[in-house]
Amino acid sequence: MSAITQRRKAIREILSQDPQPSLSDIPEHLRNELVYSAGESMPGYMPDSEPAFFATEREARGYARSLGSSRDYVAFVDCVPLSDVLA
């Protein structure tokens, strides 16, 4: 198993236990790993709810697709460092 796969697996495990863990719960070597956020918002406005976080882009896109979209709301996927999410 590659080092990247191992880090993604560790992040997935952390996020599955607590979708909003505190920074102190994250091992230091994983804090700058990229995670993917997904949610929905109305264009031009702040999101109505907190986004969900995922270890892979594929998981985030699947979640965004499950939200669907309407004329007023748009699903989004973004990539951010884990430390920025938890700061």
PDB file of N, CA and C in Angstrom:
ATOM      1  N   MET A   1       0.857  -1.173   0.000  1.00  0.00           N
ATOM      2  CA  MET A   1       0.000   0.000   0.000  1.00  0.00           C
ATOM      3  C   MET A   1       0.904   1.237   0.000  1.00  0.00           C
ATOM      4  N   SER A   2       0.616   2.189  -0.879  1.00  0.00           N
ATOM      5  CA  SER A   2       1.448   3.386  -0.981  1.00  0.00           C
ATOM      6  C   SER A   2       1.243   4.291   0.231  1.00  0.00           C
ATOM      7  N   ALA A   3       2.191   5.211   0.428  1.00  0.00           N
ATOM      8  CA  ALA A   3       2.106   6.152   1.552  1.00  0.00           C
ATOM      9  C   ALA A   3       0.876   7.045   1.424  1.00  0.00           C
ATOM     10  N   ILE A   4       0.544   7.448   0.198  1.00  0.00           N
ATOM     11  CA  ILE A   4      -0.629   8.297  -0.020  1.00  0.00           C
ATOM     12  C   ILE A   4      -1.900   7.532   0.347  1.00  0.00           C
ATOM     13  N   THR A   5      -1.984   6.279  -0.071  1.00  0.00           N
ATOM     14  CA  THR A   5      -3.148   5.457   0.252  1.00  0.00           C
ATOM     15  C   THR A   5      -3.279   5.274   1.759  1.00  0.00           C
ATOM     16  N   GLN A   6      -2.166   5.086   2.442  1.00  0.00           N
ATOM     17  CA  GLN A   6      -2.196   4.933   3.896  1.00  0.00           C
ATOM     18  C   GLN A   6      -2.690   6.209   4.574  1.00  0.00           C
ATOM     19  N   ARG A   7      -2.231   7.371   4.095  1.00  0.00           N
ATOM     20  CA  ARG A   7      -2.673   8.644   4.681  1.00  0.00           C
ATOM     21  C   ARG A   7      -4.158   8.867   4.421  1.00  0.00           C
ATOM     22  N   ARG A   8      -4.618   8.577   3.206  1.00  0.00           N
ATOM     23  CA  ARG A   8      -6.048   8.729   2.881  1.00  0.00           C
ATOM     24  C   ARG A   8      -6.892   7.805   3.760  1.00  0.00           C
ATOM     25  N   LYS A   9      -6.423   6.588   3.974  1.00  0.00           N
ATOM     26  CA  LYS A   9      -7.147   5.638   4.815  1.00  0.00           C
ATOM     27  C   LYS A   9      -7.220   6.162   6.256  1.00  0.00           C
ATOM     28  N   ALA A  10      -6.132   6.723   6.758  1.00  0.00           N
ATOM     29  CA  ALA A  10      -6.115   7.269   8.117  1.00  0.00           C
ATOM     30  C   ALA A  10      -7.074   8.452   8.237  1.00  0.00           C
ATOM     31  N   ILE A  11      -7.089   9.317   7.240  1.00  0.00           N
ATOM     32  CA  ILE A  11      -8.002  10.466   7.260  1.00  0.00           C
ATOM     33  C   ILE A  11      -9.444   9.991   7.192  1.00  0.00           C
ATOM     34  N   ARG A  12      -9.728   9.023   6.330  1.00  0.00           N
ATOM     35  CA  ARG A  12     -11.090   8.488   6.214  1.00  0.00           C
ATOM     36  C   ARG A  12     -11.550   7.931   7.556  1.00  0.00           C
ATOM     37  N   GLU A  13     -10.668   7.221   8.244  1.00  0.00           N
ATOM     38  CA  GLU A  13     -11.018   6.647   9.543  1.00  0.00           C
ATOM     39  C   GLU A  13     -11.312   7.748  10.572  1.00  0.00           C
ATOM     40  N   ILE A  14     -10.490   8.788  10.606  1.00  0.00           N
ATOM     41  CA  ILE A  14     -10.704   9.902  11.537  1.00  0.00           C
ATOM     42  C   ILE A  14     -12.036  10.584  11.249  1.00  0.00           C
ATOM     43  N   LEU A  15     -12.301  10.893   9.974  1.00  0.00           N
ATOM     44  CA  LEU A  15     -13.533  11.591   9.608  1.00  0.00           C
ATOM     45  C   LEU A  15     -14.772  10.727   9.810  1.00  0.00           C
ATOM     46  N   SER A  16     -14.634   9.406   9.707  1.00  0.00           N
ATOM     47  CA  SER A  16     -15.795   8.537   9.920  1.00  0.00           C
ATOM     48  C   SER A  16     -16.169   8.471  11.398  1.00  0.00           C
ATOM     49  N   GLN A  17     -15.192   8.652  12.275  1.00  0.00           N
ATOM     50  CA  GLN A  17     -15.468   8.632  13.714  1.00  0.00           C
ATOM     51  C   GLN A  17     -16.066   9.949  14.185  1.00  0.00           C
ATOM     52  N   ASP A  18     -15.617  11.049  13.577  1.00  0.00           N
ATOM     53  CA  ASP A  18     -16.095  12.378  13.971  1.00  0.00           C
ATOM     54  C   ASP A  18     -15.967  13.292  12.760  1.00  0.00           C
ATOM     55  N   PRO A  19     -17.090  13.732  12.149  1.00  0.00           N
ATOM     56  CA  PRO A  19     -17.009  14.554  10.945  1.00  0.00           C
ATOM     57  C   PRO A  19     -16.370  15.930  11.178  1.00  0.00           C
ATOM     58  N   GLN A  20     -16.298  16.381  12.416  1.00  0.00           N
ATOM     59  CA  GLN A  20     -15.663  17.666  12.742  1.00  0.00           C
ATOM     60  C   GLN A  20     -14.687  17.475  13.902  1.00  0.00           C
ATOM     61  N   PRO A  21     -13.615  16.699  13.720  1.00  0.00           N
ATOM     62  CA  PRO A  21     -12.679  16.469  14.817  1.00  0.00           C
ATOM     63  C   PRO A  21     -11.915  17.748  15.161  1.00  0.00           C
ATOM     64  N   SER A  22     -11.386  17.804  16.372  1.00  0.00           N
ATOM     65  CA  SER A  22     -10.564  18.960  16.730  1.00  0.00           C
ATOM     66  C   SER A  22      -9.154  18.730  16.201  1.00  0.00           C
ATOM     67  N   LEU A  23      -8.416  19.804  16.019  1.00  0.00           N
ATOM     68  CA  LEU A  23      -7.066  19.711  15.461  1.00  0.00           C
ATOM     69  C   LEU A  23      -6.180  18.845  16.343  1.00  0.00           C
ATOM     70  N   SER A  24      -6.394  18.866  17.646  1.00  0.00           N
ATOM     71  CA  SER A  24      -5.571  18.065  18.554  1.00  0.00           C
ATOM     72  C   SER A  24      -5.808  16.566  18.380  1.00  0.00           C
ATOM     73  N   ASP A  25      -6.934  16.184  17.766  1.00  0.00           N
ATOM     74  CA  ASP A  25      -7.225  14.765  17.518  1.00  0.00           C
ATOM     75  C   ASP A  25      -6.518  14.228  16.274  1.00  0.00           C
ATOM     76  N   ILE A  26      -5.936  15.110  15.491  1.00  0.00           N
ATOM     77  CA  ILE A  26      -5.312  14.725  14.222  1.00  0.00           C
ATOM     78  C   ILE A  26      -3.805  14.593  14.417  1.00  0.00           C
ATOM     79  N   PRO A  27      -3.221  13.452  14.048  1.00  0.00           N
ATOM     80  CA  PRO A  27      -1.766  13.325  14.137  1.00  0.00           C
ATOM     81  C   PRO A  27      -1.084  14.424  13.306  1.00  0.00           C
ATOM     82  N   GLU A  28       0.006  14.944  13.819  1.00  0.00           N
ATOM     83  CA  GLU A  28       0.678  16.080  13.175  1.00  0.00           C
ATOM     84  C   GLU A  28       1.034  15.813  11.711  1.00  0.00           C
ATOM     85  N   HIS A  29       1.434  14.590  11.382  1.00  0.00           N
ATOM     86  CA  HIS A  29       1.842  14.306  10.003  1.00  0.00           C
ATOM     87  C   HIS A  29       0.664  14.317   9.018  1.00  0.00           C
ATOM     88  N   LEU A  30      -0.582  14.345   9.518  1.00  0.00           N
ATOM     89  CA  LEU A  30      -1.745  14.376   8.633  1.00  0.00           C
ATOM     90  C   LEU A  30      -2.387  15.757   8.530  1.00  0.00           C
ATOM     91  N   ARG A  31      -1.949  16.699   9.332  1.00  0.00           N
ATOM     92  CA  ARG A  31      -2.632  17.995   9.419  1.00  0.00           C
ATOM     93  C   ARG A  31      -2.605  18.811   8.130  1.00  0.00           C
ATOM     94  N   ASN A  32      -1.614  18.624   7.279  1.00  0.00           N
ATOM     95  CA  ASN A  32      -1.546  19.382   6.025  1.00  0.00           C
ATOM     96  C   ASN A  32      -2.032  18.584   4.819  1.00  0.00           C
ATOM     97  N   GLU A  33      -2.579  17.395   5.075  1.00  0.00           N
ATOM     98  CA  GLU A  33      -3.157  16.612   3.980  1.00  0.00           C
ATOM     99  C   GLU A  33      -4.396  17.323   3.440  1.00  0.00           C
ATOM    100  N   LEU A  34      -4.633  17.171   2.158  1.00  0.00           N
ATOM    101  CA  LEU A  34      -5.811  17.774   1.544  1.00  0.00           C
ATOM    102  C   LEU A  34      -7.032  16.905   1.789  1.00  0.00           C
ATOM    103  N   VAL A  35      -8.144  17.555   2.101  1.00  0.00           N
ATOM    104  CA  VAL A  35      -9.426  16.867   2.221  1.00  0.00           C
ATOM    105  C   VAL A  35     -10.402  17.562   1.282  1.00  0.00           C
ATOM    106  N   TYR A  36     -11.476  16.902   0.992  1.00  0.00           N
ATOM    107  CA  TYR A  36     -12.472  17.421   0.064  1.00  0.00           C
ATOM    108  C   TYR A  36     -13.750  17.737   0.828  1.00  0.00           C
ATOM    109  N   SER A  37     -14.289  18.905   0.577  1.00  0.00           N
ATOM    110  CA  SER A  37     -15.554  19.285   1.200  1.00  0.00           C
ATOM    111  C   SER A  37     -16.639  19.285   0.139  1.00  0.00           C
ATOM    112  N   ALA A  38     -17.847  18.996   0.575  1.00  0.00           N
ATOM    113  CA  ALA A  38     -18.986  19.005  -0.339  1.00  0.00           C
ATOM    114  C   ALA A  38     -20.207  19.496   0.423  1.00  0.00           C
ATOM    115  N   GLY A  39     -21.039  20.220  -0.270  1.00  0.00           N
ATOM    116  CA  GLY A  39     -22.260  20.737   0.321  1.00  0.00           C
ATOM    117  C   GLY A  39     -23.088  21.397  -0.757  1.00  0.00           C
ATOM    118  N   GLU A  40     -24.016  22.245  -0.332  1.00  0.00           N
ATOM    119  CA  GLU A  40     -24.811  22.969  -1.311  1.00  0.00           C
ATOM    120  C   GLU A  40     -25.064  24.383  -0.808  1.00  0.00           C
ATOM    121  N   SER A  41     -25.208  25.285  -1.746  1.00  0.00           N
ATOM    122  CA  SER A  41     -25.500  26.670  -1.384  1.00  0.00           C
ATOM    123  C   SER A  41     -26.254  27.346  -2.517  1.00  0.00           C
ATOM    124  N   MET A  42     -26.826  28.477  -2.184  1.00  0.00           N
ATOM    125  CA  MET A  42     -27.501  29.291  -3.182  1.00  0.00           C
ATOM    126  C   MET A  42     -26.438  30.243  -3.742  1.00  0.00           C
ATOM    127  N   PRO A  43     -26.281  30.302  -5.051  1.00  0.00           N
ATOM    128  CA  PRO A  43     -25.264  31.181  -5.630  1.00  0.00           C
ATOM    129  C   PRO A  43     -25.397  32.618  -5.114  1.00  0.00           C
ATOM    130  N   GLY A  44     -24.261  33.178  -4.686  1.00  0.00           N
ATOM    131  CA  GLY A  44     -24.243  34.551  -4.188  1.00  0.00           C
ATOM    132  C   GLY A  44     -24.486  34.664  -2.704  1.00  0.00           C
ATOM    133  N   TYR A  45     -24.748  33.543  -2.038  1.00  0.00           N
ATOM    134  CA  TYR A  45     -25.020  33.549  -0.596  1.00  0.00           C
ATOM    135  C   TYR A  45     -24.089  32.569   0.108  1.00  0.00           C
ATOM    136  N   MET A  46     -23.927  32.755   1.405  1.00  0.00           N
ATOM    137  CA  MET A  46     -23.150  31.815   2.203  1.00  0.00           C
ATOM    138  C   MET A  46     -23.910  30.485   2.242  1.00  0.00           C
ATOM    139  N   PRO A  47     -23.189  29.355   2.400  1.00  0.00           N
ATOM    140  CA  PRO A  47     -23.873  28.064   2.496  1.00  0.00           C
ATOM    141  C   PRO A  47     -24.850  28.044   3.670  1.00  0.00           C
ATOM    142  N   ASP A  48     -25.978  27.344   3.485  1.00  0.00           N
ATOM    143  CA  ASP A  48     -26.984  27.227   4.540  1.00  0.00           C
ATOM    144  C   ASP A  48     -26.530  26.316   5.673  1.00  0.00           C
ATOM    145  N   SER A  49     -25.694  25.354   5.371  1.00  0.00           N
ATOM    146  CA  SER A  49     -25.233  24.408   6.382  1.00  0.00           C
ATOM    147  C   SER A  49     -23.740  24.157   6.208  1.00  0.00           C
ATOM    148  N   GLU A  50     -23.152  23.543   7.223  1.00  0.00           N
ATOM    149  CA  GLU A  50     -21.733  23.213   7.160  1.00  0.00           C
ATOM    150  C   GLU A  50     -21.497  22.143   6.096  1.00  0.00           C
ATOM    151  N   PRO A  51     -20.380  22.229   5.375  1.00  0.00           N
ATOM    152  CA  PRO A  51     -20.083  21.188   4.390  1.00  0.00           C
ATOM    153  C   PRO A  51     -19.656  19.892   5.090  1.00  0.00           C
ATOM    154  N   ALA A  52     -19.740  18.803   4.374  1.00  0.00           N
ATOM    155  CA  ALA A  52     -19.240  17.513   4.850  1.00  0.00           C
ATOM    156  C   ALA A  52     -17.828  17.348   4.290  1.00  0.00           C
ATOM    157  N   PHE A  53     -16.983  16.615   4.995  1.00  0.00           N
ATOM    158  CA  PHE A  53     -15.591  16.445   4.575  1.00  0.00           C
ATOM    159  C   PHE A  53     -15.301  14.990   4.262  1.00  0.00           C
ATOM    160  N   PHE A  54     -14.445  14.780   3.228  1.00  0.00           N
ATOM    161  CA  PHE A  54     -14.150  13.443   2.741  1.00  0.00           C
ATOM    162  C   PHE A  54     -12.666  13.302   2.444  1.00  0.00           C
ATOM    163  N   ALA A  55     -12.184  12.064   2.499  1.00  0.00           N
ATOM    164  CA  ALA A  55     -10.778  11.783   2.246  1.00  0.00           C
ATOM    165  C   ALA A  55     -10.435  11.824   0.760  1.00  0.00           C
ATOM    166  N   THR A  56     -11.414  11.567  -0.103  1.00  0.00           N
ATOM    167  CA  THR A  56     -11.138  11.551  -1.542  1.00  0.00           C
ATOM    168  C   THR A  56     -12.143  12.410  -2.307  1.00  0.00           C
ATOM    169  N   GLU A  57     -11.702  12.869  -3.453  1.00  0.00           N
ATOM    170  CA  GLU A  57     -12.585  13.665  -4.308  1.00  0.00           C
ATOM    171  C   GLU A  57     -13.770  12.829  -4.773  1.00  0.00           C
ATOM    172  N   ARG A  58     -13.541  11.574  -5.034  1.00  0.00           N
ATOM    173  CA  ARG A  58     -14.622  10.694  -5.502  1.00  0.00           C
ATOM    174  C   ARG A  58     -15.755  10.610  -4.475  1.00  0.00           C
ATOM    175  N   GLU A  59     -15.384  10.467  -3.194  1.00  0.00           N
ATOM    176  CA  GLU A  59     -16.403  10.417  -2.137  1.00  0.00           C
ATOM    177  C   GLU A  59     -17.171  11.738  -2.058  1.00  0.00           C
ATOM    178  N   ALA A  60     -16.444  12.865  -2.159  1.00  0.00           N
ATOM    179  CA  ALA A  60     -17.079  14.184  -2.082  1.00  0.00           C
ATOM    180  C   ALA A  60     -18.030  14.398  -3.256  1.00  0.00           C
ATOM    181  N   ARG A  61     -17.602  14.010  -4.450  1.00  0.00           N
ATOM    182  CA  ARG A  61     -18.464  14.182  -5.626  1.00  0.00           C
ATOM    183  C   ARG A  61     -19.711  13.296  -5.531  1.00  0.00           C
ATOM    184  N   GLY A  62     -19.555  12.087  -5.003  1.00  0.00           N
ATOM    185  CA  GLY A  62     -20.709  11.218  -4.811  1.00  0.00           C
ATOM    186  C   GLY A  62     -21.717  11.836  -3.849  1.00  0.00           C
ATOM    187  N   TYR A  63     -21.206  12.422  -2.769  1.00  0.00           N
ATOM    188  CA  TYR A  63     -22.085  13.092  -1.811  1.00  0.00           C
ATOM    189  C   TYR A  63     -22.779  14.287  -2.465  1.00  0.00           C
ATOM    190  N   ALA A  64     -22.025  15.075  -3.220  1.00  0.00           N
ATOM    191  CA  ALA A  64     -22.604  16.243  -3.899  1.00  0.00           C
ATOM    192  C   ALA A  64     -23.695  15.810  -4.877  1.00  0.00           C
ATOM    193  N   ARG A  65     -23.463  14.711  -5.607  1.00  0.00           N
ATOM    194  CA  ARG A  65     -24.485  14.209  -6.532  1.00  0.00           C
ATOM    195  C   ARG A  65     -25.735  13.770  -5.776  1.00  0.00           C
ATOM    196  N   SER A  66     -25.536  13.193  -4.582  1.00  0.00           N
ATOM    197  CA  SER A  66     -26.694  12.733  -3.810  1.00  0.00           C
ATOM    198  C   SER A  66     -27.540  13.905  -3.317  1.00  0.00           C
ATOM    199  N   LEU A  67     -26.917  15.077  -3.168  1.00  0.00           N
ATOM    200  CA  LEU A  67     -27.670  16.260  -2.764  1.00  0.00           C
ATOM    201  C   LEU A  67     -28.561  16.756  -3.882  1.00  0.00           C
ATOM    202  N   GLY A  68     -28.132  16.455  -5.111  1.00  0.00           N
ATOM    203  CA  GLY A  68     -28.871  16.948  -6.268  1.00  0.00           C
ATOM    204  C   GLY A  68     -28.698  18.447  -6.372  1.00  0.00           C
ATOM    205  N   SER A  69     -29.441  19.050  -7.198  1.00  0.00           N
ATOM    206  CA  SER A  69     -29.424  20.507  -7.288  1.00  0.00           C
ATOM    207  C   SER A  69     -30.761  20.948  -7.856  1.00  0.00           C
ATOM    208  N   SER A  70     -31.125  22.139  -7.504  1.00  0.00           N
ATOM    209  CA  SER A  70     -32.362  22.705  -8.023  1.00  0.00           C
ATOM    210  C   SER A  70     -32.005  24.009  -8.714  1.00  0.00           C
ATOM    211  N   ARG A  71     -33.003  24.719  -9.126  1.00  0.00           N
ATOM    212  CA  ARG A  71     -32.764  25.997  -9.797  1.00  0.00           C
ATOM    213  C   ARG A  71     -32.089  26.978  -8.846  1.00  0.00           C
ATOM    214  N   ASP A  72     -32.386  26.871  -7.540  1.00  0.00           N
ATOM    215  CA  ASP A  72     -31.870  27.829  -6.571  1.00  0.00           C
ATOM    216  C   ASP A  72     -30.586  27.387  -5.876  1.00  0.00           C
ATOM    217  N   TYR A  73     -30.399  26.078  -5.696  1.00  0.00           N
ATOM    218  CA  TYR A  73     -29.245  25.570  -4.954  1.00  0.00           C
ATOM    219  C   TYR A  73     -28.295  24.814  -5.873  1.00  0.00           C
ATOM    220  N   VAL A  74     -27.007  24.925  -5.570  1.00  0.00           N
ATOM    221  CA  VAL A  74     -25.973  24.272  -6.357  1.00  0.00           C
ATOM    222  C   VAL A  74     -25.086  23.465  -5.421  1.00  0.00           C
ATOM    223  N   ALA A  75     -24.805  22.212  -5.766  1.00  0.00           N
ATOM    224  CA  ALA A  75     -23.879  21.389  -4.987  1.00  0.00           C
ATOM    225  C   ALA A  75     -22.459  21.809  -5.343  1.00  0.00           C
ATOM    226  N   PHE A  76     -21.558  21.762  -4.360  1.00  0.00           N
ATOM    227  CA  PHE A  76     -20.169  22.146  -4.618  1.00  0.00           C
ATOM    228  C   PHE A  76     -19.206  21.144  -4.007  1.00  0.00           C
ATOM    229  N   VAL A  77     -18.012  21.092  -4.565  1.00  0.00           N
ATOM    230  CA  VAL A  77     -16.908  20.292  -4.037  1.00  0.00           C
ATOM    231  C   VAL A  77     -15.692  21.200  -4.028  1.00  0.00           C
ATOM    232  N   ASP A  78     -14.945  21.179  -2.922  1.00  0.00           N
ATOM    233  CA  ASP A  78     -13.752  22.000  -2.784  1.00  0.00           C
ATOM    234  C   ASP A  78     -12.648  21.175  -2.145  1.00  0.00           C
ATOM    235  N   CYS A  79     -11.420  21.602  -2.285  1.00  0.00           N
ATOM    236  CA  CYS A  79     -10.269  20.891  -1.729  1.00  0.00           C
ATOM    237  C   CYS A  79      -9.513  21.860  -0.823  1.00  0.00           C
ATOM    238  N   VAL A  80      -9.309  21.456   0.440  1.00  0.00           N
ATOM    239  CA  VAL A  80      -8.644  22.334   1.403  1.00  0.00           C
ATOM    240  C   VAL A  80      -7.741  21.501   2.312  1.00  0.00           C
ATOM    241  N   PRO A  81      -6.692  22.118   2.884  1.00  0.00           N
ATOM    242  CA  PRO A  81      -5.873  21.380   3.851  1.00  0.00           C
ATOM    243  C   PRO A  81      -6.681  21.081   5.105  1.00  0.00           C
ATOM    244  N   LEU A  82      -6.486  19.925   5.671  1.00  0.00           N
ATOM    245  CA  LEU A  82      -7.216  19.518   6.865  1.00  0.00           C
ATOM    246  C   LEU A  82      -7.028  20.523   7.999  1.00  0.00           C
ATOM    247  N   SER A  83      -5.834  21.074   8.145  1.00  0.00           N
ATOM    248  CA  SER A  83      -5.581  22.042   9.225  1.00  0.00           C
ATOM    249  C   SER A  83      -6.435  23.299   9.065  1.00  0.00           C
ATOM    250  N   ASP A  84      -6.737  23.704   7.835  1.00  0.00           N
ATOM    251  CA  ASP A  84      -7.598  24.881   7.611  1.00  0.00           C
ATOM    252  C   ASP A  84      -9.039  24.598   8.022  1.00  0.00           C
ATOM    253  N   VAL A  85      -9.475  23.370   7.830  1.00  0.00           N
ATOM    254  CA  VAL A  85     -10.838  22.981   8.166  1.00  0.00           C
ATOM    255  C   VAL A  85     -11.045  23.022   9.678  1.00  0.00           C
ATOM    256  N   LEU A  86     -10.035  22.593  10.403  1.00  0.00           N
ATOM    257  CA  LEU A  86     -10.165  22.425  11.848  1.00  0.00           C
ATOM    258  C   LEU A  86      -9.669  23.610  12.658  1.00  0.00           C
ATOM    259  N   ALA A  87      -9.108  24.596  11.995  1.00  0.00           N
ATOM    260  CA  ALA A  87      -8.538  25.741  12.730  1.00  0.00           C
ATOM    261  C   ALA A  87      -9.618  26.616  13.335  1.00  0.00           C
TER     262      ALA A  87
END
